[in-house]
Protein backbone atom coordinates (compact mmCIF):
# COMPACT_ATOMS: atom_id res chain seq x y z
CA MET A 1 2.46 14.89 -37.72
CA PRO A 2 5.26 14.49 -35.15
CA PHE A 3 6.69 10.97 -35.05
CA VAL A 4 9.89 9.41 -33.75
CA THR A 5 11.00 5.90 -34.72
CA ILE A 6 12.26 3.82 -31.81
CA ASP A 7 13.35 0.20 -32.31
CA ASN A 8 11.69 0.13 -35.76
CA THR A 9 8.42 1.35 -34.22
CA ARG A 10 7.00 4.75 -35.05
CA LEU A 11 5.69 6.65 -32.00
CA PHE A 12 3.38 9.63 -32.17
CA TYR A 13 4.01 12.47 -29.72
CA ARG A 14 2.73 15.96 -28.95
CA GLN A 15 5.07 18.49 -27.30
CA GLU A 16 3.65 21.80 -26.06
CA GLY A 17 4.82 24.69 -23.93
CA LYS A 18 7.56 27.28 -23.66
CA ALA A 19 11.08 26.30 -24.65
CA GLY A 20 13.29 26.15 -21.59
CA ALA A 21 10.49 25.26 -19.18
CA PRO A 22 10.80 22.02 -17.16
CA VAL A 23 9.59 18.99 -19.10
CA LEU A 24 6.70 16.82 -17.92
CA VAL A 25 6.15 13.53 -19.76
CA MET A 26 2.62 12.13 -19.48
CA SER A 27 1.89 8.45 -20.15
CA HIS A 28 -1.66 7.16 -20.57
CA SER A 29 -3.59 4.07 -19.52
CA ILE A 30 -3.95 0.94 -21.58
CA GLY A 31 -6.83 1.33 -24.04
CA THR A 32 -6.61 5.13 -24.27
CA ASP A 33 -4.21 7.54 -25.98
CA HIS A 34 -2.37 10.81 -25.32
CA ALA A 35 -5.62 12.80 -25.53
CA MET A 36 -6.62 11.33 -22.17
CA TRP A 37 -4.63 14.15 -20.58
CA ALA A 38 -6.48 16.98 -22.34
CA PRO A 39 -8.22 18.28 -19.17
CA GLN A 40 -4.83 18.88 -17.54
CA ILE A 41 -3.02 20.66 -20.35
CA ALA A 42 -4.26 24.25 -20.03
CA ASP A 43 -3.29 24.39 -16.36
CA LEU A 44 0.07 22.70 -16.89
CA LEU A 45 1.36 24.72 -19.84
CA PRO A 46 2.14 27.90 -17.85
CA HIS A 47 4.59 25.82 -15.81
CA PHE A 48 5.91 23.00 -18.03
CA GLN A 49 6.73 21.82 -21.48
CA VAL A 50 4.29 18.93 -21.67
CA LEU A 51 5.26 15.90 -23.72
CA ARG A 52 2.42 13.47 -24.38
CA TYR A 53 2.77 10.40 -26.56
CA ASP A 54 0.83 7.36 -27.72
CA THR A 55 2.26 4.18 -26.23
CA ARG A 56 3.13 1.59 -28.88
CA GLY A 57 0.03 -0.31 -29.86
CA HIS A 58 -2.17 2.72 -29.17
CA GLY A 59 -3.43 5.83 -30.94
CA ALA A 60 -1.33 6.95 -33.89
CA SER A 61 1.74 4.94 -32.82
CA ASP A 62 2.60 1.67 -34.51
CA ALA A 63 1.32 -1.61 -33.12
CA SER A 64 4.33 -3.87 -33.42
CA LYS A 65 3.59 -7.59 -33.43
CA GLY A 66 4.04 -9.87 -30.46
CA GLU A 67 3.98 -9.47 -26.71
CA TYR A 68 5.45 -6.36 -25.10
CA THR A 69 7.21 -5.85 -21.80
CA VAL A 70 7.13 -2.84 -19.50
CA GLU A 71 10.87 -2.52 -20.09
CA LEU A 72 10.24 -2.22 -23.83
CA LEU A 73 7.59 0.45 -23.24
CA ALA A 74 9.85 2.36 -20.85
CA ARG A 75 12.76 2.26 -23.29
CA ASP A 76 10.39 3.78 -25.85
CA VAL A 77 10.11 6.75 -23.47
CA LEU A 78 13.87 7.03 -23.11
CA GLY A 79 14.29 6.81 -26.88
CA LEU A 80 11.64 9.47 -27.46
CA THR A 81 13.09 11.92 -24.95
CA ALA A 82 16.63 11.34 -26.25
CA ALA A 83 15.47 12.00 -29.82
CA LEU A 84 13.94 15.27 -28.66
CA GLY A 85 17.08 16.29 -26.76
CA ILE A 86 15.47 15.95 -23.32
CA SER A 87 17.83 14.67 -20.64
CA LYS A 88 15.73 15.41 -17.51
CA PHE A 89 12.00 15.26 -17.05
CA ALA A 90 9.22 14.71 -14.57
CA PHE A 91 7.00 11.75 -15.38
CA CYS A 92 3.28 11.26 -14.77
CA GLY A 93 1.84 7.88 -15.64
CA LEU A 94 -1.62 6.45 -15.04
CA SER A 95 -2.26 2.70 -14.88
CA MET A 96 0.02 1.23 -17.57
CA GLY A 97 1.78 4.61 -17.64
CA GLY A 98 2.43 4.20 -13.92
CA ALA A 99 4.04 0.80 -14.50
CA ILE A 100 6.32 2.46 -17.06
CA GLY A 101 7.12 5.20 -14.56
CA GLN A 102 8.11 2.66 -11.92
CA TRP A 103 10.52 0.99 -14.35
CA LEU A 104 12.08 4.35 -15.19
CA ALA A 105 12.49 5.26 -11.52
CA ILE A 106 14.12 1.90 -10.79
CA HIS A 107 16.37 1.61 -13.85
CA ALA A 108 16.87 5.19 -15.12
CA PRO A 109 16.52 7.41 -12.04
CA ASP A 110 18.99 10.02 -13.27
CA SER A 111 16.53 10.96 -16.02
CA LEU A 112 13.70 11.77 -13.61
CA THR A 113 13.13 14.91 -11.56
CA GLY A 114 9.81 13.72 -10.13
CA LEU A 115 7.39 10.82 -10.47
CA VAL A 116 3.59 10.71 -10.31
CA LEU A 117 2.05 7.24 -10.18
CA ALA A 118 -1.70 7.42 -10.67
CA ASN A 119 -4.19 4.54 -10.41
CA THR A 120 -1.47 2.00 -10.85
CA SER A 121 0.21 -0.91 -9.12
CA PRO A 122 3.54 -2.71 -8.83
CA GLN A 123 1.75 -5.91 -9.87
CA PHE A 124 -1.53 -6.02 -11.78
CA GLY A 125 -3.28 -9.12 -10.56
CA PRO A 126 -3.50 -12.76 -11.64
CA PRO A 127 -1.87 -13.53 -15.02
CA ALA A 128 -4.90 -15.62 -15.93
CA ASN A 129 -7.07 -12.48 -16.02
CA TRP A 130 -4.77 -10.92 -18.60
CA GLU A 131 -4.61 -14.13 -20.61
CA THR A 132 -8.41 -14.09 -20.80
CA ARG A 133 -8.42 -10.48 -21.98
CA ILE A 134 -5.75 -11.18 -24.60
CA ARG A 135 -7.78 -14.11 -25.94
CA MET A 136 -10.99 -12.05 -26.02
CA VAL A 137 -9.56 -9.14 -28.03
CA ARG A 138 -7.76 -11.44 -30.46
CA GLU A 139 -10.92 -13.45 -31.08
CA GLY A 140 -13.60 -10.76 -30.84
CA GLY A 141 -11.82 -7.44 -31.26
CA MET A 142 -12.20 -4.49 -28.89
CA ASN A 143 -16.00 -4.86 -28.84
CA ALA A 144 -15.52 -8.02 -26.78
CA ILE A 145 -14.22 -6.09 -23.77
CA VAL A 146 -15.54 -2.55 -24.16
CA ASP A 147 -18.34 -2.76 -21.58
CA VAL A 148 -16.17 -4.38 -18.91
CA VAL A 149 -13.32 -1.91 -19.45
CA MET A 150 -15.59 1.14 -19.42
CA GLY A 151 -17.10 -0.09 -16.16
CA ARG A 152 -13.62 -0.07 -14.68
CA PHE A 153 -12.49 3.20 -16.23
CA PHE A 154 -15.44 5.21 -14.89
CA SER A 155 -17.89 5.26 -12.00
CA SER A 156 -21.42 4.11 -12.80
CA SER A 157 -22.73 7.64 -12.19
CA THR A 158 -20.32 9.06 -14.77
CA LEU A 159 -21.39 6.54 -17.37
CA ALA A 160 -25.09 7.02 -16.57
CA ARG A 161 -25.02 10.76 -17.30
CA GLY A 162 -23.38 10.27 -20.71
CA ASP A 163 -20.18 12.09 -19.76
CA VAL A 164 -18.41 13.53 -22.81
CA ASP A 165 -14.96 12.39 -21.68
CA ALA A 166 -16.26 8.87 -21.14
CA ASN A 167 -17.77 8.87 -24.63
CA SER A 168 -14.46 10.00 -26.11
CA VAL A 169 -12.53 7.33 -24.23
CA LYS A 170 -14.96 4.68 -25.45
CA SER A 171 -14.36 5.73 -29.06
CA VAL A 172 -10.60 5.57 -28.58
CA LEU A 173 -10.86 2.18 -26.89
CA LEU A 174 -12.92 0.76 -29.75
CA GLY A 175 -10.42 2.18 -32.26
CA THR A 176 -7.38 0.64 -30.56
CA ASP A 177 -5.52 -2.03 -32.54
CA PRO A 178 -6.39 -5.38 -30.89
CA GLU A 179 -2.84 -6.68 -31.46
CA GLY A 180 -1.31 -3.60 -29.87
CA TYR A 181 -3.73 -3.84 -26.96
CA ALA A 182 -2.92 -7.51 -26.49
CA GLY A 183 0.79 -6.72 -26.56
CA CYS A 184 0.33 -4.22 -23.72
CA CYS A 185 -1.85 -6.69 -21.80
CA ALA A 186 1.12 -9.06 -21.85
CA ALA A 187 3.34 -6.31 -20.42
CA LEU A 188 0.93 -5.75 -17.52
CA ARG A 189 0.49 -9.49 -17.03
CA ASP A 190 4.22 -9.95 -16.45
CA VAL A 191 5.22 -6.80 -14.57
CA ASP A 192 6.16 -7.15 -10.89
CA HIS A 193 8.05 -4.29 -9.25
CA ARG A 194 7.21 -5.20 -5.65
CA GLU A 195 10.75 -6.19 -4.69
CA SER A 196 12.33 -3.12 -6.28
CA LEU A 197 10.14 -0.29 -4.97
CA ARG A 198 12.43 0.41 -2.02
CA THR A 199 15.26 1.26 -4.38
CA ILE A 200 13.35 4.22 -5.82
CA ARG A 201 14.87 7.53 -4.74
CA VAL A 202 12.95 9.81 -7.08
CA PRO A 203 10.42 12.10 -5.30
CA THR A 204 7.11 10.29 -5.81
CA LEU A 205 3.41 11.09 -5.58
CA VAL A 206 0.87 8.26 -5.57
CA ILE A 207 -2.68 9.11 -6.68
CA VAL A 208 -5.44 6.60 -5.99
CA GLY A 209 -9.15 6.56 -6.81
CA ASP A 210 -11.36 5.40 -3.96
CA ARG A 211 -13.81 3.98 -6.52
CA ASP A 212 -11.12 2.27 -8.58
CA VAL A 213 -11.81 -1.46 -8.80
CA SER A 214 -8.79 -2.10 -11.05
CA THR A 215 -6.04 -0.69 -8.82
CA PRO A 216 -7.65 0.20 -5.48
CA TRP A 217 -5.74 1.51 -2.47
CA GLU A 218 -5.71 -1.89 -0.77
CA GLY A 219 -3.07 -4.11 -2.33
CA HIS A 220 -2.05 -1.57 -4.96
CA GLY A 221 -1.72 2.11 -4.08
CA GLU A 222 -0.96 1.38 -0.45
CA ILE A 223 2.01 -0.77 -1.47
CA LEU A 224 3.45 1.98 -3.63
CA ALA A 225 2.95 4.60 -0.92
CA ARG A 226 4.44 2.38 1.78
CA GLU A 227 7.39 0.88 -0.07
CA ILE A 228 8.68 3.87 -2.06
CA PRO A 229 10.77 5.92 0.38
CA GLY A 230 9.20 9.30 1.12
CA ALA A 231 6.27 8.82 -1.25
CA ARG A 232 3.22 11.04 -0.76
CA ALA A 233 -0.31 9.83 -1.39
CA VAL A 234 -3.51 11.53 -2.54
CA ARG A 235 -6.85 9.74 -2.66
CA LEU A 236 -9.60 11.03 -4.93
CA PRO A 237 -13.31 10.07 -5.13
CA ALA A 238 -12.86 8.59 -8.59
CA ALA A 239 -12.66 5.38 -10.57
CA HIS A 240 -9.67 4.24 -12.63
CA LEU A 241 -9.32 7.27 -14.92
CA SER A 242 -9.18 9.67 -11.99
CA ASN A 243 -7.74 12.49 -14.09
CA LEU A 244 -11.00 12.54 -16.07
CA GLU A 245 -13.46 12.01 -13.23
CA ARG A 246 -11.76 14.55 -10.94
CA PRO A 247 -9.72 16.66 -13.37
CA ARG A 248 -9.30 19.76 -11.19
CA SER A 249 -8.35 17.78 -8.09
CA PHE A 250 -5.93 15.67 -10.11
CA THR A 251 -4.24 18.69 -11.68
CA THR A 252 -4.01 20.50 -8.35
CA ALA A 253 -2.34 17.48 -6.75
CA LEU A 254 0.06 17.30 -9.70
CA LEU A 255 1.01 20.97 -9.52
CA GLU A 256 1.34 21.06 -5.74
CA PHE A 257 3.68 18.09 -5.89
CA LEU A 258 5.79 19.07 -8.89
CA GLN A 259 5.88 22.75 -7.99
CA PRO A 260 6.51 23.01 -4.25
CA ALA A 261 6.59 26.57 -2.93
CA PRO A 262 10.14 27.92 -2.92
CA VAL A 263 11.72 28.18 0.50
CA GLU A 264 12.71 31.78 -0.21
CA VAL A 265 10.32 33.79 -2.35
CA ASP A 266 10.03 37.55 -2.69
CA THR A 267 6.25 37.86 -2.71
CA LEU A 268 6.49 41.62 -3.21
CA GLU A 269 8.49 41.26 -6.43
CA GLN A 270 6.28 38.34 -7.49
CA GLY A 271 3.23 40.48 -6.70
CA PHE A 272 4.41 43.37 -8.86
CA ALA A 273 4.98 40.97 -11.76
CA ALA A 274 1.48 39.48 -11.39
CA ARG A 275 -0.08 42.92 -10.94
CA ARG A 276 1.54 44.18 -14.14
CA ALA A 277 0.46 41.07 -16.03
CA MET A 278 -3.15 41.45 -14.92
CA LEU A 279 -3.67 45.24 -14.79
CA GLY A 280 -1.07 46.52 -17.24
CA ASP A 281 2.08 48.58 -16.83
CA ALA A 282 0.31 51.93 -17.08
CA HIS A 283 -1.96 51.23 -14.11
CA VAL A 284 0.86 49.89 -11.95
CA ASP A 285 3.14 52.77 -12.88
CA ARG A 286 0.43 55.22 -11.81
CA ALA A 287 0.01 53.39 -8.51
CA ILE A 288 3.76 53.46 -7.88
CA ALA A 289 3.93 57.15 -8.77
CA GLY A 290 1.15 57.84 -6.28
CA THR A 291 2.83 55.98 -3.45
CA ASN A 292 3.85 58.11 -0.48
CA ASP A 293 4.80 57.64 3.18
CA PHE A 294 1.13 57.49 4.15
CA ASN A 295 0.00 54.71 1.75
CA ARG A 296 3.26 52.86 1.04
CA GLU A 297 2.58 50.06 3.52
CA PHE A 298 -0.95 49.61 2.15
CA GLN A 299 0.37 49.37 -1.41
CA GLU A 300 2.93 46.77 -0.30
CA LEU A 301 0.22 44.87 1.58
CA ILE A 302 -2.05 44.41 -1.44
CA THR A 303 0.88 43.75 -3.78
CA ARG A 304 2.48 41.17 -1.52
CA TYR A 305 -0.62 39.28 -0.41
CA ALA A 306 -3.34 39.84 -3.03
CA TRP A 307 -1.08 39.69 -6.08
CA GLY A 308 2.04 37.89 -4.85
CA THR A 309 0.29 35.19 -2.81
CA ILE A 310 -3.28 34.67 -4.06
CA TRP A 311 -3.15 35.58 -7.76
CA THR A 312 -0.04 33.43 -8.26
CA ARG A 313 -1.57 30.24 -6.85
CA PRO A 314 -1.83 27.52 -9.53
CA GLY A 315 -5.24 26.18 -8.49
CA LEU A 316 -7.22 28.59 -10.70
CA ASP A 317 -6.19 30.05 -14.03
CA ARG A 318 -6.07 33.82 -14.38
CA ARG A 319 -9.17 34.04 -16.54
CA THR A 320 -11.21 32.30 -13.84
CA ARG A 321 -9.79 34.60 -11.17
CA ARG A 322 -10.71 37.64 -13.26
CA LEU A 323 -14.30 36.44 -13.58
CA LEU A 324 -14.57 35.75 -9.86
CA VAL A 325 -13.24 39.20 -9.00
CA LEU A 326 -15.69 40.86 -11.39
CA ALA A 327 -18.65 38.96 -9.91
CA MET A 328 -17.65 39.85 -6.35
CA MET A 329 -16.92 43.50 -7.14
CA ALA A 330 -20.27 43.87 -8.91
CA ALA A 331 -22.14 42.15 -6.08
CA LEU A 332 -20.52 44.34 -3.44
CA GLY A 333 -20.96 47.54 -5.41
CA ARG A 334 -17.24 48.28 -5.61
CA THR A 335 -17.74 50.27 -8.79
CA GLU A 336 -14.29 51.86 -9.11
CA GLU A 337 -12.49 48.56 -8.68
CA PHE A 338 -15.03 46.85 -10.93
CA GLY A 339 -14.37 49.29 -13.75
CA MET A 340 -10.62 48.90 -13.39
CA HIS A 341 -10.85 45.10 -13.60
CA VAL A 342 -13.24 45.29 -16.55
CA ARG A 343 -10.75 47.43 -18.48
CA ALA A 344 -7.85 45.15 -17.63
CA GLY A 345 -9.82 42.02 -18.44
CA LEU A 346 -10.96 43.28 -21.83
CA MET A 347 -7.36 44.13 -22.71
CA HIS A 348 -6.27 40.56 -21.94
CA GLU A 349 -8.26 37.28 -21.72
CA LEU A 350 -11.87 38.48 -21.47
CA GLU A 351 -14.45 39.33 -24.11
CA ALA A 352 -17.77 41.12 -23.90
CA CYS A 353 -19.64 37.80 -23.85
CA ASP A 354 -17.71 36.81 -20.69
CA LEU A 355 -18.79 40.00 -18.93
CA LYS A 356 -22.41 39.45 -19.91
CA GLU A 357 -22.49 35.93 -18.47
CA VAL A 358 -20.87 37.01 -15.21
CA LEU A 359 -23.30 39.87 -14.75
CA LEU A 360 -26.36 37.75 -15.57
CA GLN A 361 -25.16 35.37 -12.87
CA THR A 362 -24.69 38.33 -10.55
CA ALA A 363 -28.24 39.52 -11.21
CA ILE A 364 -29.66 36.19 -10.05
CA TYR A 365 -27.47 35.67 -6.98
CA ALA A 366 -26.65 39.22 -5.87
CA GLY A 367 -29.58 41.25 -7.14
CA VAL A 368 -30.72 43.15 -10.22
CA PRO A 369 -29.66 46.61 -8.94
CA ALA A 370 -26.05 45.49 -8.50
CA ALA A 371 -26.00 43.90 -11.96
CA ASN A 372 -27.72 46.94 -13.52
CA THR A 373 -24.96 49.27 -12.34
CA ALA A 374 -22.28 46.79 -13.41
CA PHE A 375 -23.83 46.41 -16.88
CA GLN A 376 -23.69 50.17 -17.33
CA ILE A 377 -20.03 50.36 -16.29
CA ALA A 378 -19.04 47.36 -18.40
CA GLY A 379 -20.93 48.70 -21.42
CA SER A 380 -19.13 52.02 -21.11
CA GLU A 381 -15.74 50.31 -20.98
CA ILE A 382 -16.59 48.18 -24.03
CA GLU A 383 -17.50 51.30 -26.01
CA LYS A 384 -14.30 53.06 -24.95
CA LEU A 385 -12.23 50.14 -26.24
CA LYS A 386 -14.07 50.23 -29.58
CA SER A 387 -12.90 53.79 -30.12
CA THR A 388 -9.23 53.14 -29.33
C-alpha cells in the first residue's frame, strides 16, 4: 500500500491518472477518508492526476497522539507532495480539507494553481462545541456522536432512503480512531483564518450547500466568497457532504473552475481529434477522402461544432454521450447514423448489454417499431464483430 512518513506519522495516499497531467490534491472532511471523493474520480481522471490521501487520524493513516493544528495538517500535505515530487497542484478541500486549503493558500501560495473550498469556513464555531465533541468521543467512542454527525453530513431525505454513500460514510465514521478524530476536532476548534483571507491570491472557488447546517452560507461560505479577492461561489441543494449528495453538480463546478475554456482554441482541430477517438481513424479518413468543394463546409460544420464543441465538454463522459446518441438516433429512425455509432461504440467503451438496455428504454419512450429496427441493426453489427 502507498504510504509516506511525514513528521514520524505514516500517511496513506492514492495517486491516479496520466503522468504529466496537472495534479489535483483532494482533502476530505473530518470523520471520513479519501474514499469520500470516489464519485468524482472517473470524471476527473481524463484531465488530472488525482492525489487523494487520508488525513492523519483518519483511514489508513496513523493517528498520532495529542491535539493537532490546521498548520500541522497542511504541512502534512506539503510533505506528501514533496515526497512525490509534486511542486505545483490544485487543491480541493471539503470541511476540514477546506481549512487546510485556506492555510496553504495563505502560507504556501506558490504551491497552488487553484483552490476549491467546499462546505467549509474560516472559523468553525464556538470552541465549547468542539470541546464537547472531543470529550464525547474520548469517553464513548465514535458511537457517541454518529447520529448527530450523520444528521449534519446528509439531508434527512438522503438518510431516509438508505443512500449507499451515506451508509459507507457511516461505516468509515464508526471505524475512525477516536484519538485521531479528537486531534482533528482540536484543529478545527482553534482555526481562525478570518483576518488572513484577504491575503489569498490563489484563484478560488467556494462551494456551499444550502442545506448545510454545519457550514451554511450565512457566516461561513459568504465570508470566504466576500473576503477572498476574486473568489467565485456555487451553491448546491445539499447538506455538508455536498460532493456526495450532488456529485454531478459538484464535479461540473470543479471542472468548469479548474479547466476554464482556453481563450484561443482551434475547435476544428479539436473536433477531428474527438471524431477520431469516437469513430475511429478509418471512418474519419473515409470522410476526409470524400470531402469536396460541395460538402467541405458541411464537414467542417459538424466537425467544429458537434465534435469540437459538444463532444469535448466535460459535463458528460464519452460513454454516456454514446448512449444518448444511440437512443436519439434509434428514436428518430436515423438508421445509417445509428449503425455507424453502434459499430464505433462496440469497438470502444460499449458492450452488447449496453445496447440492449438503451433499446429497451427506446421501446418504452419512443415506440416498439423504432426499437425493433434498431435491435435488428445492432444485432447485425454484434454478429459482424464476432467474425472479425
